[in-house]
Every structure is written in C-alpha cells, then in structure tokens.
C-alpha atoms as a PDB file:
ATOM      1  CA  UNK A   1       4.976  21.087 -20.046  1.00  0.00           C
ATOM      2  CA  UNK A   2       4.998  17.612 -21.495  1.00  0.00           C
ATOM      3  CA  UNK A   3       2.559  14.793 -21.962  1.00  0.00           C
ATOM      4  CA  UNK A   4       2.293  11.891 -19.535  1.00  0.00           C
ATOM      5  CA  UNK A   5       1.037   8.356 -20.041  1.00  0.00           C
ATOM      6  CA  UNK A   6      -1.094   7.210 -17.111  1.00  0.00           C
ATOM      7  CA  UNK A   7      -2.497   4.045 -15.615  1.00  0.00           C
ATOM      8  CA  UNK A   8      -4.877   3.256 -18.457  1.00  0.00           C
ATOM      9  CA  UNK A   9      -1.859   2.323 -20.610  1.00  0.00           C
ATOM     10  CA  UNK A  10      -0.478  -0.338 -18.254  1.00  0.00           C
ATOM     11  CA  UNK A  11      -0.665  -3.713 -20.042  1.00  0.00           C
ATOM     12  CA  UNK A  12      -2.159  -2.165 -23.209  1.00  0.00           C
ATOM     13  CA  UNK A  13      -0.398  -3.186 -26.398  1.00  0.00           C
ATOM     14  CA  UNK A  14      -1.894  -0.663 -28.823  1.00  0.00           C
ATOM     15  CA  UNK A  15       0.903   1.698 -29.858  1.00  0.00           C
ATOM     16  CA  UNK A  16      -0.941   4.168 -32.093  1.00  0.00           C
ATOM     17  CA  UNK A  17       0.639   6.991 -30.091  1.00  0.00           C
ATOM     18  CA  UNK A  18       4.143   5.828 -31.027  1.00  0.00           C
ATOM     19  CA  UNK A  19       3.350   5.959 -34.721  1.00  0.00           C
ATOM     20  CA  UNK A  20       1.709   9.376 -34.422  1.00  0.00           C
ATOM     21  CA  UNK A  21       4.527  11.113 -32.498  1.00  0.00           C
ATOM     22  CA  UNK A  22       6.436  13.376 -34.918  1.00  0.00           C
ATOM     23  CA  UNK A  23       9.562  13.517 -32.723  1.00  0.00           C
ATOM     24  CA  UNK A  24       9.641   9.816 -31.774  1.00  0.00           C
ATOM     25  CA  UNK A  25       9.674  10.507 -28.014  1.00  0.00           C
ATOM     26  CA  UNK A  26       7.388   7.683 -26.820  1.00  0.00           C
ATOM     27  CA  UNK A  27       9.394   4.726 -25.549  1.00  0.00           C
ATOM     28  CA  UNK A  28       8.072   1.248 -24.796  1.00  0.00           C
ATOM     29  CA  UNK A  29       8.813  -0.585 -21.570  1.00  0.00           C
ATOM     30  CA  UNK A  30       7.568  -4.060 -20.707  1.00  0.00           C
ATOM     31  CA  UNK A  31       4.090  -3.088 -19.464  1.00  0.00           C
ATOM     32  CA  UNK A  32       3.704   0.571 -20.387  1.00  0.00           C
ATOM     33  CA  UNK A  33       4.812   3.357 -22.694  1.00  0.00           C
ATOM     34  CA  UNK A  34       6.601   6.506 -21.505  1.00  0.00           C
ATOM     35  CA  UNK A  35       6.936  10.025 -22.952  1.00  0.00           C
ATOM     36  CA  UNK A  36      10.464  11.406 -22.707  1.00  0.00           C
ATOM     37  CA  UNK A  37       9.936  14.831 -21.084  1.00  0.00           C
ATOM     38  CA  UNK A  38      13.197  16.144 -22.553  1.00  0.00           C
ATOM     39  CA  UNK A  39      12.225  15.224 -26.116  1.00  0.00           C
ATOM     40  CA  UNK A  40       8.468  15.948 -26.121  1.00  0.00           C
ATOM     41  CA  UNK A  41       7.594  19.118 -28.033  1.00  0.00           C
ATOM     42  CA  UNK A  42       4.079  19.348 -26.561  1.00  0.00           C
ATOM     43  CA  UNK A  43       2.407  18.990 -29.962  1.00  0.00           C
ATOM     44  CA  UNK A  44      -0.447  16.801 -28.604  1.00  0.00           C
ATOM     45  CA  UNK A  45      -0.456  14.527 -31.684  1.00  0.00           C
ATOM     46  CA  UNK A  46      -0.363  11.427 -29.465  1.00  0.00           C
ATOM     47  CA  UNK A  47      -3.301  12.370 -27.247  1.00  0.00           C
ATOM     48  CA  UNK A  48      -6.269  11.927 -29.628  1.00  0.00           C
ATOM     49  CA  UNK A  49      -5.047   8.595 -31.049  1.00  0.00           C
ATOM     50  CA  UNK A  50      -4.730   6.874 -27.667  1.00  0.00           C
ATOM     51  CA  UNK A  51      -7.542   4.279 -27.591  1.00  0.00           C
ATOM     52  CA  UNK A  52      -7.666   4.227 -23.776  1.00  0.00           C
ATOM     53  CA  UNK A  53      -7.262   7.994 -23.207  1.00  0.00           C
ATOM     54  CA  UNK A  54      -4.129   7.400 -21.113  1.00  0.00           C
ATOM     55  CA  UNK A  55      -2.177  10.383 -22.493  1.00  0.00           C
ATOM     56  CA  UNK A  56      -2.666  13.775 -20.876  1.00  0.00           C
ATOM     57  CA  UNK A  57      -0.765  17.045 -20.571  1.00  0.00           C
ATOM     58  CA  UNK A  58       1.138  16.901 -17.270  1.00  0.00           C
ATOM     59  CA  UNK A  59      -0.859  19.871 -15.960  1.00  0.00           C
ATOM     60  CA  UNK A  60      -4.123  17.959 -16.531  1.00  0.00           C
ATOM     61  CA  UNK A  61      -3.180  14.679 -14.835  1.00  0.00           C
ATOM     62  CA  UNK A  62      -5.703  14.018 -12.045  1.00  0.00           C
ATOM     63  CA  UNK A  63      -4.398  13.932  -8.461  1.00  0.00           C
ATOM     64  CA  UNK A  64      -4.885  10.163  -8.190  1.00  0.00           C
ATOM     65  CA  UNK A  65      -2.525   9.721 -11.177  1.00  0.00           C
ATOM     66  CA  UNK A  66       0.104  12.257 -10.024  1.00  0.00           C
ATOM     67  CA  UNK A  67       2.726   9.557  -9.385  1.00  0.00           C
ATOM     68  CA  UNK A  68       2.722   8.825 -13.120  1.00  0.00           C
ATOM     69  CA  UNK A  69       4.216  12.276 -13.807  1.00  0.00           C
ATOM     70  CA  UNK A  70       7.288  11.555 -11.681  1.00  0.00           C
ATOM     71  CA  UNK A  71       7.459   7.953 -12.817  1.00  0.00           C
ATOM     72  CA  UNK A  72       7.379   8.941 -16.483  1.00  0.00           C
ATOM     73  CA  UNK A  73      10.493  11.100 -15.930  1.00  0.00           C
ATOM     74  CA  UNK A  74      12.054   8.414 -13.715  1.00  0.00           C
ATOM     75  CA  UNK A  75      12.024   6.009 -16.678  1.00  0.00           C
ATOM     76  CA  UNK A  76      14.563   8.245 -18.429  1.00  0.00           C
ATOM     77  CA  UNK A  77      16.565   9.710 -15.554  1.00  0.00           C
ATOM     78  CA  UNK A  78      17.086   6.844 -13.100  1.00  0.00           C
ATOM     79  CA  UNK A  79      18.656   3.441 -13.464  1.00  0.00           C
ATOM     80  CA  UNK A  80      16.187   0.872 -14.796  1.00  0.00           C
ATOM     81  CA  UNK A  81      16.464  -2.794 -13.800  1.00  0.00           C
ATOM     82  CA  UNK A  82      19.020  -4.564 -15.958  1.00  0.00           C
ATOM     83  CA  UNK A  83      20.587  -1.382 -17.373  1.00  0.00           C
ATOM     84  CA  UNK A  84      24.037  -0.023 -16.596  1.00  0.00           C
ATOM     85  CA  UNK A  85      23.076   3.621 -16.984  1.00  0.00           C
ATOM     86  CA  UNK A  86      19.930   5.773 -17.143  1.00  0.00           C
ATOM     87  CA  UNK A  87      18.258   5.900 -20.542  1.00  0.00           C
ATOM     88  CA  UNK A  88      18.429   9.708 -20.783  1.00  0.00           C
ATOM     89  CA  UNK A  89      17.557  11.491 -24.007  1.00  0.00           C
ATOM     90  CA  UNK A  90      18.566   9.200 -26.804  1.00  0.00           C
ATOM     91  CA  UNK A  91      16.907  11.115 -29.617  1.00  0.00           C
ATOM     92  CA  UNK A  92      14.341   8.656 -30.815  1.00  0.00           C
ATOM     93  CA  UNK A  93      12.521   5.583 -29.626  1.00  0.00           C
ATOM     94  CA  UNK A  94      12.599   3.788 -32.970  1.00  0.00           C
ATOM     95  CA  UNK A  95      16.378   3.961 -33.056  1.00  0.00           C
ATOM     96  CA  UNK A  96      16.741   1.883 -29.866  1.00  0.00           C
ATOM     97  CA  UNK A  97      13.532  -0.167 -30.052  1.00  0.00           C
ATOM     98  CA  UNK A  98      11.508  -1.446 -27.132  1.00  0.00           C
ATOM     99  CA  UNK A  99      13.286  -1.139 -23.804  1.00  0.00           C
ATOM    100  CA  UNK A 100      11.583  -4.225 -22.364  1.00  0.00           C
ATOM    101  CA  UNK A 101      11.729  -3.119 -18.719  1.00  0.00           C
ATOM    102  CA  UNK A 102       9.737  -0.703 -16.605  1.00  0.00           C
ATOM    103  CA  UNK A 103      10.304   1.411 -13.549  1.00  0.00           C
ATOM    104  CA  UNK A 104       9.769  -0.377 -10.232  1.00  0.00           C
ATOM    105  CA  UNK A 105       6.521   1.615  -9.867  1.00  0.00           C
ATOM    106  CA  UNK A 106       5.046   0.151 -13.079  1.00  0.00           C
ATOM    107  CA  UNK A 107       6.519  -3.291 -12.480  1.00  0.00           C
ATOM    108  CA  UNK A 108       4.602  -3.488  -9.203  1.00  0.00           C
ATOM    109  CA  UNK A 109       1.513  -1.609 -10.403  1.00  0.00           C
ATOM    110  CA  UNK A 110      -1.728  -3.548 -10.241  1.00  0.00           C
ATOM    111  CA  UNK A 111      -3.823  -2.500 -13.214  1.00  0.00           C
ATOM    112  CA  UNK A 112      -7.553  -2.506 -12.688  1.00  0.00           C
END
C-alpha cells in the first residue's frame, strides 16, 4: 500500500508534506503533488502535516476520489505532456525539482 494525494491538494501551494517525507517520494507537478508508489515506504509521516487533509492511504481513499489512486501512479508511469519519457522512479524529488506539469486528469480537473 502507498499514500495518495487527492483532490484537496489541487491548486494548494503548501508543501509541508514534501519536507516531512523521509524518503523524498513526493513530487510536485504544476497544480498538484504526487506520491511515487514505487518509492513510498508507507511511513505515514506526510499524512498528519497536510493542512488540507489530502493525503490518505490508498486503501482509505473514498470511492469518489478513486481516480486519484490511478492518476497518482500515472504521473510516474505514463508520458507526461512535454516529456520524452515517463518519470519512473528517480530516487528523490529534491534531486530533480518541481516537474511543472500534471497528468491530463489533473490539468483538466476543476477544483471546488
């Protein structure tokens, strides 16, 4: 199991979760943050520091947010706009910095 960042994070700029993550597996797109499911160690350090309660264990994501589970993985395993290859597991978000793009799902997502 891994953690997933849901809809409450879209267009939120607080990145307390990034600083708290001991394995540096939270990557920043243009509108949202994403947890790399291949790098997450399920420690839950990110969950309590999220000011909008957007981070949940994948097993606890409510049905209406289920697409965020697949989309979170899609960020790492499919081709993102403007990139020549999938991001994959790069071994640390700080090393590569903000990605600056999102999945098509988040790009078109209308935050409430």
